[in-house]
Amino acid sequence: MDGPQAAYASRLALAEQAQRSLDLQYYAIHADASTGRLMRAVQDAAKRGVRVRILIDDFHSAGRNALVLGLADTPNVQIRLFNPLAGARASSIGRIVVSLGDVGRIQQRMHNKLFIADNTLGITGGRNLGDAYFGLGDAGNFVDLDVLAAGPIVQQMSKSFDQYWNDERAYPVESLVDRKEMDSIRDKAAESARSGAGSHPQGSPSPPDGEPRPDARSAAAFGDSKAAQRPGWDEKPMDLKTLKFVWAPSLLLVDRPGKIPADEQAKEGPSPAKPDAPHGEMPAGETVVEGLLPLIAEARQDLVIVSPYFVPGDQIRTALAKARERGVRVRVLTNSLASNDAPVAHVGYARHRTDLLDMGVELYEMRADQAGLRQALGTGSGVTGGMGESKAMLHSKFIVRDGRVLVIGSMNLDLRSQKQNTEIALLVRSPALSTQATSIVEKSLKEGAWKVERDPASRGALVWRAPAGSGLQDAHTEPDTSASLRALLWLIGPLAPDSML
């Protein structure tokens, strides 16, 4: 599903048509208009007897975003928070300050994304839930890609959800948030809406957390669907009966919950991350990112990598170098400094850029401007949702190998996804789906991305080649960025290790 409208309509359809169960697992659920409409459909499902379970990483469940926790008051709705932080939920920044003595807990997050109905249909990919993930953000929108799965693989997705849901790191919301605090959160959100303040009055957490953060500015209350109306956008559910599925063998890649240590383990430091072998998802001893290394090693002709944060560790760099030695064409699409909403993460990528180019890897960086978004990966059918002048931020995470195997999920190709966050991905052996994904990214490479090269005329210095026909000039510094930002990152770069970006 390569467009925000399809991504939203499919989730809405699953919520409205579920008959027995709805299981949602997300890193972040933002309290804004689009999610309000979606959560009302989830709540309505619970009222008609559907068992609803919502598992959220605790990093973003503060301030206005804590409103979603109030759904736990609805019969048949259970909510659990994974790896909770200390401190009151009135302020995201306040919770971070309180938790500074436990930096490891801040850094290690549950990054998985699942939306499963009746153990029959399931969605995974890069998207969290929020306006900026569905093309409705005012300040910026994430360009993303999802896959809707049916058949036996969904049972594996459900097993993965159950494993996280039942893990000791998942806390029932009522054990962390009492009614008095929930009422206070609701009152503050209502007051903020009346006063016209932004949807995130306390600000977004500043420490790196492995996930871009939307800068939404809607003043509407959580659940006000009228605020989600944009030209070319509707809130109608997808007609699932009209979908044409591509039937193909698939495999679920998923990290075990224990990749994030429990409280008693945290004092001893993180334990080696191993996936959960009982379900047969992955070989023992590998994380999701490490599980991609054999995929890269088996490439013979072409490798397409799309990763918003691309900070390759030694293993990934070695795998890519060996692929190039075999004559494999390797193309990487990542964020430019301008399109990266966490610029410090760009430092980790930038320090490897020349080495990657020298080994023959083709590097492309996402254009941040609105023209690029209309043409770039993930807009699907030309529908932008009326995004105005918002910038585009790459958020899709997938790999295509030799036009036959597609991996799509929540993982970035960086050390944070490899070592700290838990991740999930779906591997599909399908020339048809691989071709679709490749055609989407090739259109983006041609029309919506800068190509980074060595410039022979400048003694091998970097040059950013503008897309043909864009009317833009080639750039010899990070495109669309200020000198002050570039200088700041140049100063802090040596102080920011790859493992923290």
Protein backbone atom coordinates (compact mmCIF):
# COMPACT_ATOMS: atom_id res chain seq x y z
CA MET A 1 0.00 0.00 0.00
CA ASP A 2 1.96 2.95 -1.34
CA GLY A 3 -0.21 5.91 -0.42
CA PRO A 4 -1.47 7.62 2.74
CA GLN A 5 -5.11 7.26 1.69
CA ALA A 6 -4.80 3.49 1.22
CA ALA A 7 -2.84 3.18 4.47
CA TYR A 8 -5.57 4.97 6.41
CA ALA A 9 -8.57 3.42 4.66
CA SER A 10 -7.25 -0.11 5.12
CA ARG A 11 -6.80 0.31 8.88
CA LEU A 12 -10.22 1.91 9.16
CA ALA A 13 -11.75 -1.03 7.26
CA LEU A 14 -10.11 -3.56 9.57
CA ALA A 15 -11.44 -1.71 12.61
CA GLU A 16 -14.97 -1.37 11.25
CA GLN A 17 -15.26 -4.95 10.00
CA ALA A 18 -13.56 -6.84 12.83
CA GLN A 19 -15.85 -9.44 14.37
CA ARG A 20 -13.79 -11.08 17.12
CA SER A 21 -10.51 -9.31 17.85
CA LEU A 22 -8.37 -6.26 17.12
CA ASP A 23 -4.70 -6.20 18.13
CA LEU A 24 -2.72 -2.97 17.70
CA GLN A 25 1.00 -2.70 18.46
CA TYR A 26 2.71 0.65 17.84
CA TYR A 27 5.70 2.67 18.81
CA ALA A 28 3.56 5.83 18.80
CA ILE A 29 -0.13 6.72 18.56
CA HIS A 30 -0.45 10.47 18.22
CA ALA A 31 -3.57 12.22 19.51
CA ASP A 32 -4.76 14.09 16.43
CA ALA A 33 -7.68 14.19 14.01
CA SER A 34 -6.96 11.16 11.82
CA THR A 35 -6.14 8.94 14.77
CA GLY A 36 -9.21 10.21 16.60
CA ARG A 37 -11.42 8.93 13.79
CA LEU A 38 -9.55 5.64 13.71
CA MET A 39 -9.72 5.16 17.47
CA ARG A 40 -13.47 5.83 17.45
CA ALA A 41 -13.82 2.94 14.99
CA VAL A 42 -11.74 0.78 17.34
CA GLN A 43 -13.92 1.85 20.27
CA ASP A 44 -17.09 1.08 18.31
CA ALA A 45 -15.72 -2.39 17.59
CA ALA A 46 -15.26 -2.95 21.33
CA LYS A 47 -18.82 -1.82 21.99
CA ARG A 48 -20.14 -4.46 19.60
CA GLY A 49 -18.22 -7.15 21.45
CA VAL A 50 -14.83 -7.24 19.69
CA ARG A 51 -11.89 -7.88 22.03
CA VAL A 52 -9.47 -4.96 21.59
CA ARG A 53 -5.87 -5.00 22.79
CA ILE A 54 -3.58 -2.01 22.27
CA LEU A 55 0.14 -2.25 23.06
CA ILE A 56 2.12 1.00 22.90
CA ASP A 57 5.73 1.81 23.62
CA ASP A 58 5.73 4.23 26.54
CA PHE A 59 8.08 6.84 25.09
CA HIS A 60 5.40 9.02 23.46
CA SER A 61 2.43 8.30 25.74
CA ALA A 62 2.69 11.60 27.59
CA GLY A 63 1.21 15.06 27.21
CA ARG A 64 -1.57 15.17 24.67
CA ASN A 65 -0.70 11.73 23.30
CA ALA A 66 -1.70 10.18 26.61
CA LEU A 67 -5.34 10.74 25.60
CA VAL A 68 -5.39 7.39 23.80
CA LEU A 69 -4.87 5.68 27.16
CA GLY A 70 -8.38 6.77 28.12
CA LEU A 71 -9.79 4.15 25.75
CA ALA A 72 -9.01 1.60 28.46
CA ASP A 73 -12.20 2.81 30.20
CA THR A 74 -14.22 1.21 27.37
CA PRO A 75 -15.46 -2.33 28.03
CA ASN A 76 -13.55 -4.93 25.94
CA VAL A 77 -10.56 -2.56 25.52
CA GLN A 78 -7.25 -3.38 27.20
CA ILE A 79 -4.15 -1.19 26.89
CA ARG A 80 -0.62 -2.04 27.95
CA LEU A 81 2.53 0.10 27.88
CA PHE A 82 5.89 -1.40 26.98
CA ASN A 83 9.06 -0.46 28.84
CA PRO A 84 7.50 2.42 30.81
CA LEU A 85 9.40 5.53 31.86
CA ALA A 86 9.20 7.21 35.24
CA GLY A 87 7.47 10.53 35.92
CA ALA A 88 4.06 12.09 35.41
CA ARG A 89 2.54 12.15 31.93
CA ALA A 90 1.66 15.83 31.89
CA SER A 91 4.89 16.68 30.05
CA SER A 92 6.98 14.62 27.66
CA ILE A 93 10.08 16.66 28.41
CA GLY A 94 9.47 16.37 32.13
CA ARG A 95 9.42 12.59 31.92
CA ILE A 96 12.70 12.62 30.01
CA VAL A 97 14.33 14.79 32.67
CA VAL A 98 13.12 12.46 35.43
CA SER A 99 14.46 9.45 33.50
CA LEU A 100 17.91 10.86 32.73
CA GLY A 101 19.40 8.59 35.37
CA ASP A 102 18.24 5.61 33.32
CA VAL A 103 19.47 6.50 29.84
CA GLY A 104 19.44 2.87 28.75
CA ARG A 105 15.70 2.67 29.27
CA ILE A 106 15.19 5.83 27.21
CA GLN A 107 17.29 4.51 24.36
CA GLN A 108 15.72 1.05 24.07
CA ARG A 109 12.23 1.15 22.60
CA MET A 110 9.61 -1.20 21.15
CA HIS A 111 9.52 -0.04 17.54
CA ASN A 112 7.18 -2.74 16.14
CA LYS A 113 4.06 -1.84 14.14
CA LEU A 114 1.10 -4.20 13.76
CA PHE A 115 -2.64 -3.77 13.07
CA ILE A 116 -4.38 -7.17 13.11
CA ALA A 117 -8.08 -8.01 12.74
CA ASP A 118 -9.57 -11.41 13.67
CA ASN A 119 -6.17 -13.11 13.25
CA THR A 120 -7.08 -13.01 9.55
CA LEU A 121 -5.78 -9.73 8.11
CA GLY A 122 -2.74 -7.82 9.32
CA ILE A 123 -0.88 -4.63 8.39
CA THR A 124 2.77 -3.95 9.04
CA GLY A 125 5.32 -1.48 7.70
CA GLY A 126 6.84 1.78 8.79
CA ARG A 127 3.84 3.86 9.84
CA ASN A 128 2.85 4.86 13.33
CA LEU A 129 -0.64 6.31 13.79
CA GLY A 130 -1.01 10.06 13.34
CA ASP A 131 -1.79 12.83 10.86
CA ALA A 132 1.79 13.13 9.60
CA TYR A 133 1.81 9.42 8.69
CA PHE A 134 -1.41 9.78 6.66
CA GLY A 135 -0.50 12.89 4.64
CA LEU A 136 -2.39 15.32 6.89
CA GLY A 137 0.42 17.04 8.79
CA ASP A 138 0.71 20.80 8.51
CA ALA A 139 4.45 21.12 9.05
CA GLY A 140 5.68 17.82 7.60
CA ASN A 141 4.56 14.44 6.31
CA PHE A 142 6.25 11.05 6.34
CA VAL A 143 6.55 9.17 3.07
CA ASP A 144 5.86 5.55 3.93
CA LEU A 145 4.95 2.07 2.72
CA ASP A 146 2.83 -0.71 4.25
CA VAL A 147 1.83 -4.24 3.40
CA LEU A 148 -1.56 -5.84 4.07
CA ALA A 149 -1.25 -9.57 4.66
CA ALA A 150 -3.75 -12.42 4.68
CA GLY A 151 -3.40 -16.16 5.13
CA PRO A 152 -1.27 -18.23 7.53
CA ILE A 153 1.37 -15.50 7.98
CA VAL A 154 -1.16 -13.45 9.95
CA GLN A 155 -1.22 -16.18 12.61
CA GLN A 156 2.52 -15.64 13.01
CA MET A 157 1.92 -11.91 13.33
CA SER A 158 -0.67 -12.64 16.04
CA LYS A 159 1.76 -14.91 17.87
CA SER A 160 4.33 -12.15 17.83
CA PHE A 161 1.78 -9.73 19.28
CA ASP A 162 0.84 -12.22 22.00
CA GLN A 163 4.45 -12.67 22.97
CA TYR A 164 4.94 -8.94 23.49
CA TRP A 165 1.53 -8.54 25.13
CA ASN A 166 2.27 -11.23 27.71
CA ASP A 167 5.85 -10.15 28.33
CA GLU A 168 6.91 -8.86 31.74
CA ARG A 169 7.89 -5.55 30.14
CA ALA A 170 4.24 -4.85 29.14
CA TYR A 171 2.38 -3.11 31.97
CA PRO A 172 -1.44 -2.71 32.13
CA VAL A 173 -2.20 0.97 31.80
CA GLU A 174 -4.27 0.98 34.99
CA SER A 175 -1.15 0.03 36.95
CA LEU A 176 0.60 3.18 35.70
CA VAL A 177 -2.12 5.80 35.23
CA ASP A 178 -4.89 6.29 37.77
CA ARG A 179 -8.24 7.90 37.04
CA LYS A 180 -7.26 11.21 38.63
CA GLU A 181 -4.23 11.57 36.34
CA MET A 182 -6.27 10.55 33.29
CA ASP A 183 -8.93 13.16 34.10
CA SER A 184 -6.20 15.77 34.45
CA ILE A 185 -4.77 14.83 31.03
CA ARG A 186 -8.21 15.15 29.44
CA ASP A 187 -8.84 18.53 31.10
CA LYS A 188 -5.50 19.90 29.98
CA ALA A 189 -6.04 18.72 26.39
CA ALA A 190 -9.51 20.29 26.30
CA GLU A 191 -8.14 23.57 27.66
CA SER A 192 -5.35 23.52 25.09
CA ALA A 193 -7.87 22.99 22.28
CA ARG A 194 -10.05 25.87 23.50
CA SER A 195 -7.07 28.21 23.71
CA GLY A 196 -5.86 27.26 20.24
CA ALA A 197 -2.55 25.84 21.38
CA GLY A 198 -0.76 23.24 19.27
CA SER A 199 -1.47 19.58 19.48
CA HIS A 200 1.79 19.00 21.34
CA PRO A 201 1.93 21.93 23.78
CA GLN A 202 4.63 20.35 25.90
CA GLY A 203 6.90 19.72 22.92
CA SER A 204 8.36 16.52 21.56
CA PRO A 205 11.04 14.59 23.41
CA SER A 206 14.47 15.63 22.23
CA PRO A 207 16.68 12.56 22.84
CA PRO A 208 17.11 10.30 19.79
CA ASP A 209 14.63 7.46 19.90
CA GLY A 210 14.95 5.83 16.52
CA GLU A 211 11.79 7.36 15.10
CA PRO A 212 11.00 10.65 13.34
CA ARG A 213 8.50 12.80 15.20
CA PRO A 214 5.76 14.74 13.42
CA ASP A 215 5.50 18.44 14.15
CA ALA A 216 1.70 18.49 13.96
CA ARG A 217 0.01 21.83 14.61
CA SER A 218 -3.68 20.94 14.60
CA ALA A 219 -5.54 22.62 17.46
CA ALA A 220 -8.52 20.31 17.16
CA ALA A 221 -9.35 18.02 20.05
CA PHE A 222 -8.47 14.35 19.81
CA GLY A 223 -11.35 12.73 18.00
CA ASP A 224 -12.55 15.75 16.00
CA SER A 225 -12.74 14.13 12.59
CA LYS A 226 -13.75 17.35 10.83
CA ALA A 227 -10.20 18.61 11.23
CA ALA A 228 -8.97 15.76 9.07
CA GLN A 229 -10.86 16.92 5.98
CA ARG A 230 -8.50 17.92 3.18
CA PRO A 231 -8.94 18.19 -0.59
CA GLY A 232 -8.49 14.77 -2.16
CA TRP A 233 -8.92 13.03 1.19
CA ASP A 234 -11.80 11.14 2.70
CA GLU A 235 -12.41 9.03 5.79
CA LYS A 236 -14.07 6.15 4.01
CA PRO A 237 -12.91 2.62 4.80
CA MET A 238 -11.36 0.57 2.03
CA ASP A 239 -13.60 -1.99 0.35
CA LEU A 240 -11.60 -5.07 1.26
CA LYS A 241 -13.64 -7.26 -1.08
CA THR A 242 -12.20 -5.46 -4.10
CA LEU A 243 -8.55 -5.99 -3.15
CA LYS A 244 -6.39 -8.12 -5.40
CA PHE A 245 -3.92 -10.00 -3.25
CA VAL A 246 -0.61 -11.32 -4.55
CA TRP A 247 -0.24 -14.82 -3.09
CA ALA A 248 3.35 -15.67 -2.22
CA PRO A 249 5.49 -17.46 0.39
CA SER A 250 6.34 -15.20 3.33
CA LEU A 251 8.34 -15.23 6.55
CA LEU A 252 7.99 -13.10 9.67
CA LEU A 253 11.15 -11.56 11.09
CA VAL A 254 10.72 -10.33 14.65
CA ASP A 255 12.97 -9.51 17.57
CA ARG A 256 12.16 -11.08 20.91
CA PRO A 257 10.86 -8.73 23.62
CA GLY A 258 13.91 -9.61 25.71
CA LYS A 259 16.07 -7.56 23.38
CA ILE A 260 14.98 -4.83 25.79
CA PRO A 261 16.08 -5.94 29.28
CA ALA A 262 13.54 -6.20 32.08
CA ASP A 263 14.05 -4.13 35.22
CA GLU A 264 16.15 -6.68 37.10
CA GLN A 265 18.27 -7.26 33.98
CA ALA A 266 18.78 -3.58 33.25
CA LYS A 267 21.19 -3.21 36.17
CA GLU A 268 23.47 -5.78 34.55
CA GLY A 269 23.32 -4.15 31.14
CA PRO A 270 21.49 -5.33 27.98
CA SER A 271 21.65 -9.04 27.23
CA PRO A 272 22.40 -10.39 23.74
CA ALA A 273 19.37 -9.96 21.53
CA LYS A 274 17.94 -13.17 20.16
CA PRO A 275 14.73 -13.59 18.19
CA ASP A 276 12.05 -15.93 19.42
CA ALA A 277 12.76 -19.25 17.77
CA PRO A 278 9.58 -21.19 18.75
CA HIS A 279 7.54 -19.60 15.97
CA GLY A 280 10.16 -20.34 13.34
CA GLU A 281 10.50 -16.73 12.30
CA MET A 282 14.30 -16.47 12.28
CA PRO A 283 17.42 -18.52 12.96
CA ALA A 284 18.66 -18.34 16.55
CA GLY A 285 21.11 -15.60 17.48
CA GLU A 286 19.95 -12.92 15.06
CA THR A 287 18.06 -9.67 15.34
CA VAL A 288 15.81 -8.52 12.51
CA VAL A 289 18.57 -6.34 11.06
CA GLU A 290 21.14 -9.14 11.39
CA GLY A 291 18.64 -11.46 9.74
CA LEU A 292 18.87 -9.25 6.64
CA LEU A 293 22.59 -9.94 6.24
CA PRO A 294 22.06 -13.36 4.56
CA LEU A 295 19.58 -11.67 2.23
CA ILE A 296 22.26 -9.20 1.18
CA ALA A 297 24.84 -11.99 0.93
CA GLU A 298 22.65 -13.90 -1.52
CA ALA A 299 22.13 -10.94 -3.86
CA ARG A 300 23.44 -11.61 -7.35
CA GLN A 301 22.24 -8.74 -9.52
CA ASP A 302 20.44 -5.88 -7.80
CA LEU A 303 19.87 -4.63 -4.26
CA VAL A 304 17.54 -1.72 -3.43
CA ILE A 305 17.64 -0.39 0.13
CA VAL A 306 15.24 2.24 1.50
CA SER A 307 16.01 3.37 5.04
CA PRO A 308 15.17 6.78 6.59
CA TYR A 309 18.07 6.43 9.01
CA PHE A 310 20.99 4.73 7.27
CA VAL A 311 23.89 4.33 9.70
CA PRO A 312 25.52 1.04 8.66
CA GLY A 313 27.64 -0.76 11.22
CA ASP A 314 30.63 -2.94 10.36
CA GLN A 315 28.48 -5.95 9.44
CA ILE A 316 26.28 -4.05 6.98
CA ARG A 317 29.23 -2.20 5.42
CA THR A 318 31.07 -5.50 4.94
CA ALA A 319 28.00 -7.14 3.42
CA LEU A 320 27.54 -4.27 0.97
CA ALA A 321 31.25 -4.30 0.03
CA LYS A 322 31.10 -8.02 -0.73
CA ALA A 323 27.95 -7.53 -2.79
CA ARG A 324 29.72 -4.91 -4.89
CA GLU A 325 32.69 -7.26 -5.34
CA ARG A 326 30.24 -9.81 -6.80
CA GLY A 327 29.04 -7.18 -9.25
CA VAL A 328 25.72 -6.50 -7.51
CA ARG A 329 24.25 -3.08 -8.19
CA VAL A 330 23.45 -1.48 -4.82
CA ARG A 331 21.15 1.54 -4.58
CA VAL A 332 20.32 3.24 -1.28
CA LEU A 333 17.61 5.85 -0.69
CA THR A 334 17.75 7.69 2.62
CA ASN A 335 16.86 11.11 3.99
CA SER A 336 18.80 14.21 3.04
CA LEU A 337 19.83 16.49 5.87
CA ALA A 338 16.92 18.77 4.94
CA SER A 339 14.32 15.98 4.98
CA ASN A 340 15.66 14.31 8.13
CA ASP A 341 13.62 15.46 11.14
CA ALA A 342 16.40 14.24 13.47
CA PRO A 343 19.42 15.98 11.88
CA VAL A 344 21.89 14.54 14.38
CA ALA A 345 21.13 11.08 12.96
CA HIS A 346 22.37 12.36 9.61
CA VAL A 347 25.85 12.65 11.12
CA GLY A 348 26.17 8.87 11.36
CA TYR A 349 25.24 8.45 7.71
CA ALA A 350 27.35 11.35 6.45
CA ARG A 351 30.56 10.00 7.97
CA HIS A 352 30.21 6.81 5.87
CA ARG A 353 29.10 8.50 2.65
CA THR A 354 32.45 8.70 0.86
CA ASP A 355 33.42 5.13 1.77
CA LEU A 356 30.10 3.84 0.44
CA LEU A 357 30.53 5.79 -2.80
CA ASP A 358 34.08 4.53 -3.21
CA MET A 359 32.93 0.91 -2.96
CA GLY A 360 30.41 1.60 -5.73
CA VAL A 361 27.18 2.02 -3.76
CA GLU A 362 24.75 4.46 -5.41
CA LEU A 363 23.44 6.95 -2.85
CA TYR A 364 20.24 8.95 -3.17
CA GLU A 365 18.85 11.43 -0.65
CA MET A 366 15.19 12.40 -0.36
CA ARG A 367 14.21 15.92 -1.40
CA ALA A 368 12.44 17.74 1.40
CA ASP A 369 10.37 20.16 -0.64
CA GLN A 370 6.70 19.69 -1.49
CA ALA A 371 7.36 19.12 -5.19
CA GLY A 372 9.47 16.14 -4.27
CA LEU A 373 6.72 14.71 -2.08
CA ARG A 374 4.16 14.76 -4.87
CA GLN A 375 6.43 12.64 -7.02
CA ALA A 376 8.23 10.59 -4.43
CA LEU A 377 7.90 7.21 -2.85
CA GLY A 378 4.62 6.53 -1.13
CA THR A 379 2.25 9.14 -2.59
CA GLY A 380 0.24 6.56 -4.52
CA SER A 381 -2.23 7.58 -7.24
CA GLY A 382 -1.14 11.20 -6.95
CA VAL A 383 -3.14 11.73 -3.75
CA THR A 384 -1.25 14.01 -1.36
CA GLY A 385 -4.11 14.73 1.00
CA GLY A 386 -3.82 18.49 0.55
CA MET A 387 -0.53 18.78 2.39
CA GLY A 388 0.09 22.39 1.49
CA GLU A 389 3.69 23.49 1.90
CA SER A 390 4.69 20.75 4.35
CA LYS A 391 8.05 19.12 3.86
CA ALA A 392 8.52 15.48 2.96
CA MET A 393 10.38 13.12 5.30
CA LEU A 394 11.28 9.61 4.18
CA HIS A 395 9.94 6.98 6.59
CA SER A 396 9.63 3.84 4.41
CA LYS A 397 11.77 0.87 5.38
CA PHE A 398 12.23 -1.92 2.85
CA ILE A 399 14.72 -3.91 0.80
CA VAL A 400 14.29 -5.54 -2.62
CA ARG A 401 16.75 -8.25 -3.68
CA ASP A 402 17.21 -9.29 -7.31
CA GLY A 403 13.64 -8.31 -8.15
CA ARG A 404 12.31 -11.39 -6.37
CA VAL A 405 12.40 -10.89 -2.59
CA LEU A 406 10.88 -7.98 -0.68
CA VAL A 407 11.39 -7.19 3.02
CA ILE A 408 9.19 -4.47 4.50
CA GLY A 409 8.86 -3.54 8.14
CA SER A 410 9.73 -1.21 11.00
CA MET A 411 13.53 -1.47 10.85
CA ASN A 412 16.06 1.11 9.79
CA LEU A 413 19.44 -0.10 8.63
CA ASP A 414 21.26 1.41 11.57
CA LEU A 415 22.81 0.26 14.82
CA ARG A 416 19.84 1.48 16.85
CA SER A 417 17.50 -0.92 15.06
CA GLN A 418 20.14 -3.64 15.17
CA LYS A 419 21.18 -3.34 18.82
CA GLN A 420 18.57 -1.42 20.82
CA ASN A 421 15.04 -1.19 19.44
CA THR A 422 12.83 -4.20 18.85
CA GLU A 423 11.70 -4.49 15.24
CA ILE A 424 9.43 -6.54 12.98
CA ALA A 425 9.42 -7.18 9.23
CA LEU A 426 7.71 -9.32 6.63
CA LEU A 427 9.86 -11.09 4.05
CA VAL A 428 7.96 -12.01 0.87
CA ARG A 429 9.28 -14.02 -2.06
CA SER A 430 7.32 -12.46 -4.88
CA PRO A 431 8.58 -11.09 -8.21
CA ALA A 432 5.26 -9.24 -8.58
CA LEU A 433 5.46 -7.35 -5.27
CA SER A 434 9.21 -6.83 -5.68
CA THR A 435 8.60 -5.27 -9.08
CA GLN A 436 5.93 -2.98 -7.65
CA ALA A 437 8.20 -1.83 -4.84
CA THR A 438 11.14 -1.33 -7.20
CA SER A 439 9.09 0.73 -9.62
CA ILE A 440 7.93 2.97 -6.77
CA VAL A 441 11.45 3.61 -5.53
CA GLU A 442 12.87 4.07 -9.03
CA LYS A 443 10.34 6.79 -9.68
CA SER A 444 11.46 8.43 -6.47
CA LEU A 445 15.14 8.13 -7.38
CA LYS A 446 14.46 9.74 -10.74
CA GLU A 447 12.13 12.53 -9.69
CA GLY A 448 12.25 13.05 -5.93
CA ALA A 449 15.83 12.54 -4.76
CA TRP A 450 19.31 14.00 -5.00
CA LYS A 451 21.98 11.63 -6.31
CA VAL A 452 25.21 11.94 -4.33
CA GLU A 453 28.41 11.49 -6.30
CA ARG A 454 32.11 12.27 -6.24
CA ASP A 455 32.82 15.33 -8.38
CA PRO A 456 35.96 14.86 -10.54
CA ALA A 457 36.04 18.60 -11.21
CA SER A 458 36.36 19.29 -7.46
CA ARG A 459 39.02 16.72 -6.62
CA GLY A 460 36.48 14.15 -5.58
CA ALA A 461 34.42 16.37 -3.31
CA LEU A 462 30.75 15.46 -2.94
CA VAL A 463 28.16 16.83 -5.32
CA TRP A 464 24.38 16.42 -5.13
CA ARG A 465 22.96 15.93 -8.62
CA ALA A 466 19.51 17.43 -9.07
CA PRO A 467 16.78 15.26 -10.59
CA ALA A 468 16.48 15.66 -14.35
CA GLY A 469 13.76 18.12 -15.30
CA SER A 470 13.40 19.48 -11.76
CA GLY A 471 14.74 22.91 -12.63
CA LEU A 472 17.11 22.66 -9.68
CA GLN A 473 20.85 23.20 -9.77
CA ASP A 474 23.40 20.68 -8.59
CA ALA A 475 24.57 21.41 -5.06
CA HIS A 476 28.05 21.23 -3.54
CA THR A 477 26.84 21.36 0.07
CA GLU A 478 23.92 19.61 1.80
CA PRO A 479 20.94 20.85 -0.28
CA ASP A 480 18.32 23.15 1.24
CA THR A 481 20.15 23.57 4.54
CA SER A 482 21.63 26.55 6.37
CA ALA A 483 25.32 27.08 6.98
CA SER A 484 24.63 27.25 10.72
CA LEU A 485 23.01 23.78 10.75
CA ARG A 486 25.85 22.29 8.75
CA ALA A 487 28.40 23.89 11.07
CA LEU A 488 26.59 22.62 14.17
CA LEU A 489 26.55 19.06 12.90
CA TRP A 490 30.20 19.35 11.90
CA LEU A 491 31.02 20.30 15.48
CA ILE A 492 28.95 17.63 17.24
CA GLY A 493 29.65 14.87 14.72
CA PRO A 494 32.81 13.56 16.41
CA LEU A 495 30.92 13.41 19.72
CA ALA A 496 28.02 11.32 18.38
CA PRO A 497 28.87 7.61 18.02
CA ASP A 498 26.98 5.57 15.42
CA SER A 499 25.43 3.38 18.12
CA MET A 500 23.54 6.37 19.58
CA LEU A 501 22.14 7.72 16.31
